Protein backbone atom coordinates (compact mmCIF):
# COMPACT_ATOMS: atom_id res chain seq x y z
CA MET A 1 -16.30 -18.24 41.24
CA GLU A 2 -13.23 -19.88 42.74
CA MET A 3 -13.30 -20.64 46.43
CA ARG A 4 -11.72 -23.35 48.49
CA LEU A 5 -14.30 -25.25 50.51
CA GLU A 6 -13.45 -27.42 53.51
CA PRO A 7 -15.45 -29.74 55.75
CA GLY A 8 -16.70 -27.81 58.75
CA MET A 9 -17.42 -24.55 56.98
CA ILE A 10 -20.96 -23.32 57.41
CA PHE A 11 -23.26 -21.39 55.12
CA CYS A 12 -26.32 -19.18 55.19
CA SER A 13 -28.55 -18.57 52.19
CA GLN A 14 -31.29 -16.20 51.16
CA SER A 15 -34.73 -17.35 50.11
CA ALA A 16 -37.10 -15.13 48.16
CA GLY A 17 -40.08 -17.36 48.95
CA VAL A 18 -42.84 -16.71 51.44
CA ILE A 19 -41.26 -18.82 54.19
CA GLY A 20 -37.86 -17.14 53.74
CA LYS A 21 -39.38 -13.65 53.79
CA THR A 22 -41.41 -14.51 56.90
CA ILE A 23 -38.34 -15.89 58.68
CA ASN A 24 -36.37 -12.73 57.83
CA PHE A 25 -39.22 -10.48 59.01
CA PHE A 26 -39.29 -12.09 62.46
CA GLN A 27 -35.50 -12.40 62.69
CA LYS A 28 -35.22 -8.67 61.98
CA LEU A 29 -37.63 -7.91 64.85
CA ASN A 30 -35.33 -9.77 67.24
CA ALA A 31 -31.96 -8.77 65.69
CA SER A 32 -29.68 -6.52 67.70
CA ASP A 33 -28.49 -4.89 64.44
CA ASN A 34 -32.05 -4.58 63.03
CA ASN A 35 -30.99 -6.54 59.93
CA SER A 36 -31.68 -10.01 58.60
CA GLU A 37 -30.70 -11.24 55.13
CA TYR A 38 -30.43 -15.01 55.46
CA SER A 39 -33.23 -17.46 56.20
CA HIS A 40 -31.44 -20.84 55.96
CA SER A 41 -28.17 -22.38 57.11
CA GLY A 42 -26.25 -25.63 56.88
CA ILE A 43 -22.93 -27.39 57.20
CA ILE A 44 -20.42 -27.91 54.39
CA THR A 45 -19.11 -31.48 54.54
CA SER A 46 -16.61 -31.64 51.66
CA ALA A 47 -14.38 -29.64 49.35
CA PHE A 48 -16.88 -30.42 46.57
CA GLY A 49 -19.71 -28.41 48.14
CA ASP A 50 -21.56 -31.30 49.74
CA THR A 51 -23.78 -30.19 52.61
CA PHE A 52 -25.75 -31.50 55.57
CA GLU A 53 -28.86 -29.48 56.30
CA SER A 54 -32.40 -29.50 57.56
CA LEU A 55 -34.65 -29.17 54.52
CA THR A 56 -37.90 -31.18 54.22
CA THR A 57 -35.84 -33.83 56.00
CA ILE A 58 -32.43 -33.61 57.60
CA ARG A 59 -30.16 -34.91 54.89
CA LYS A 60 -27.08 -34.62 52.75
CA SER A 61 -27.32 -32.26 49.81
CA THR A 62 -25.05 -29.88 47.87
CA LEU A 63 -24.62 -26.14 47.32
CA LYS A 64 -25.96 -26.49 43.74
CA PRO A 65 -29.58 -25.59 44.67
CA TYR A 66 -28.25 -22.20 45.83
CA THR A 67 -26.84 -21.26 42.42
CA GLY A 68 -28.09 -17.77 41.56
CA LYS A 69 -28.90 -17.00 45.19
CA LYS A 70 -27.04 -14.89 47.73
CA ILE A 71 -25.02 -17.05 50.07
CA LEU A 72 -22.60 -16.48 52.95
CA ILE A 73 -19.90 -19.05 53.73
CA GLY A 74 -17.79 -18.89 56.87
CA ARG A 75 -14.98 -20.81 58.50
CA ASN A 76 -14.04 -20.84 62.16
CA LYS A 77 -10.29 -20.21 62.41
CA ASN A 78 -9.93 -23.08 64.89
CA MET A 79 -11.68 -25.75 62.78
CA THR A 80 -9.66 -28.93 62.28
CA MET A 81 -10.58 -32.30 60.83
CA GLU A 82 -10.66 -33.71 64.37
CA LEU A 83 -13.15 -31.03 65.48
CA TYR A 84 -15.19 -31.54 62.31
CA GLN A 85 -15.48 -35.26 63.17
CA LYS A 86 -16.72 -34.38 66.68
CA GLY A 87 -19.34 -32.06 65.22
CA TRP A 88 -20.37 -34.61 62.60
CA ALA A 89 -20.84 -37.27 65.29
CA ALA A 90 -23.26 -34.92 67.09
CA VAL A 91 -25.49 -34.24 64.07
CA LYS A 92 -25.25 -37.45 62.01
CA PRO A 93 -27.93 -39.22 64.12
CA HIS A 94 -30.47 -36.63 62.87
CA GLU A 95 -30.14 -37.80 59.26
CA GLY A 96 -33.57 -38.77 57.93
CA GLN A 97 -35.58 -36.85 60.54
CA VAL A 98 -38.51 -34.87 59.17
CA TYR A 99 -38.06 -31.10 59.27
CA PRO A 100 -39.70 -29.90 62.49
CA TYR A 101 -42.11 -27.35 61.04
CA TRP A 102 -43.98 -27.33 64.37
CA ARG A 103 -40.90 -25.69 65.96
CA LEU A 104 -40.92 -22.65 63.63
CA PRO A 105 -43.54 -20.71 65.66
CA MET A 106 -41.37 -21.27 68.74
CA GLN A 107 -38.53 -19.43 66.96
CA LEU A 108 -40.63 -16.24 66.82
CA ILE A 109 -39.86 -15.55 70.47
CA PRO A 110 -36.19 -16.37 71.10
CA TRP A 111 -36.52 -17.56 74.70
CA VAL A 112 -39.37 -19.91 73.73
CA GLY A 113 -37.20 -21.49 71.02
CA LYS A 114 -34.49 -22.15 73.61
CA MET A 115 -36.96 -24.06 75.74
CA GLY A 116 -38.08 -26.28 72.87
CA ARG A 117 -38.51 -29.86 73.92
CA GLY A 118 -37.07 -32.77 72.05
CA ASN A 119 -34.15 -33.23 69.77
CA TRP A 120 -35.64 -31.90 66.51
CA PRO A 121 -33.42 -29.10 65.18
CA VAL A 122 -34.44 -26.61 62.51
CA CYS A 123 -31.68 -25.72 60.02
CA SER A 124 -29.86 -23.15 62.14
CA GLU A 125 -30.11 -25.26 65.28
CA LEU A 126 -28.59 -28.21 63.42
CA THR A 127 -25.71 -25.96 62.33
CA CYS A 128 -25.21 -24.67 65.88
CA LYS A 129 -25.45 -28.16 67.37
CA PHE A 130 -22.61 -29.15 65.02
CA LEU A 131 -20.56 -26.11 66.12
CA ALA A 132 -21.28 -26.67 69.82
CA ALA A 133 -19.80 -30.16 69.53
CA CYS A 134 -16.68 -28.64 67.90
CA ASP A 135 -15.34 -27.44 71.25
CA ASN A 136 -17.97 -24.77 71.79
CA MET A 137 -17.66 -22.79 68.55
CA CYS A 138 -21.30 -22.02 69.38
CA PHE A 139 -22.39 -22.22 73.00
CA TYR A 140 -26.01 -23.35 72.77
CA TRP A 141 -27.97 -24.63 69.81
CA LYS A 142 -31.66 -24.42 70.69
CA GLY A 143 -33.40 -21.24 69.60
CA LYS A 144 -30.65 -20.18 67.17
CA CYS A 145 -31.75 -18.68 63.86
CA PRO A 146 -29.94 -18.18 60.53
CA ASP A 147 -29.41 -14.50 61.37
CA ASP A 148 -27.49 -15.52 64.52
CA ILE A 149 -25.19 -17.63 62.36
CA ALA A 150 -24.69 -14.91 59.75
CA ASP A 151 -23.84 -12.40 62.50
CA MET A 152 -21.40 -14.89 63.99
CA ILE A 153 -19.59 -15.33 60.65
CA ILE A 154 -19.48 -11.61 59.86
CA ARG A 155 -18.81 -10.13 63.30
CA TRP A 156 -17.00 -12.62 65.53
CA LYS A 157 -13.19 -12.51 65.52
CA ALA A 158 -12.88 -16.30 65.43
CA TRP A 159 -14.57 -16.45 62.01
CA ASP A 160 -13.44 -15.72 58.47
CA THR A 161 -15.89 -14.91 55.70
CA VAL A 162 -14.91 -17.26 52.87
CA PHE A 163 -17.53 -15.98 50.43
CA GLU A 164 -20.48 -13.61 50.40
CA GLY A 165 -22.37 -12.96 47.19
CA VAL A 166 -24.43 -14.63 44.51
CA LEU A 167 -23.36 -18.22 43.97
CA GLU A 168 -22.50 -18.90 40.32
């Protein structure tokens, strides 16, 4: 698979595990299109597929763990290196934080997730916090789920789908 990656692109991935299936079940209940395929999201930080994402901790990683899995990669048409740097400055302080598992039940009811206290983002909130700092490419980060991000990439005019399929 040949694709050109750039810092500031975002991705969503599928997970066949119990947590991924549970996330998709509840996302589907709240989805306006009654569909949910993706249960994780993150930020692409380099042309080499380096990522920044909330896993067991918030940390740098790569797209390699998603080989063989369905993935969606999107790029906001307005993304520049300057905007990427603004977004990076907003999320970089989270590096090393433990994944906030205690916030997952709050995501089951969207308005409760928005009220979440503290500065402990789950994966999709980290991605949206990055985008919010990039001149409001996303308007609010708390309570966002991977399905919100996938819908944004696929349906919003300001976004291009760079890749959707099984990562090789």
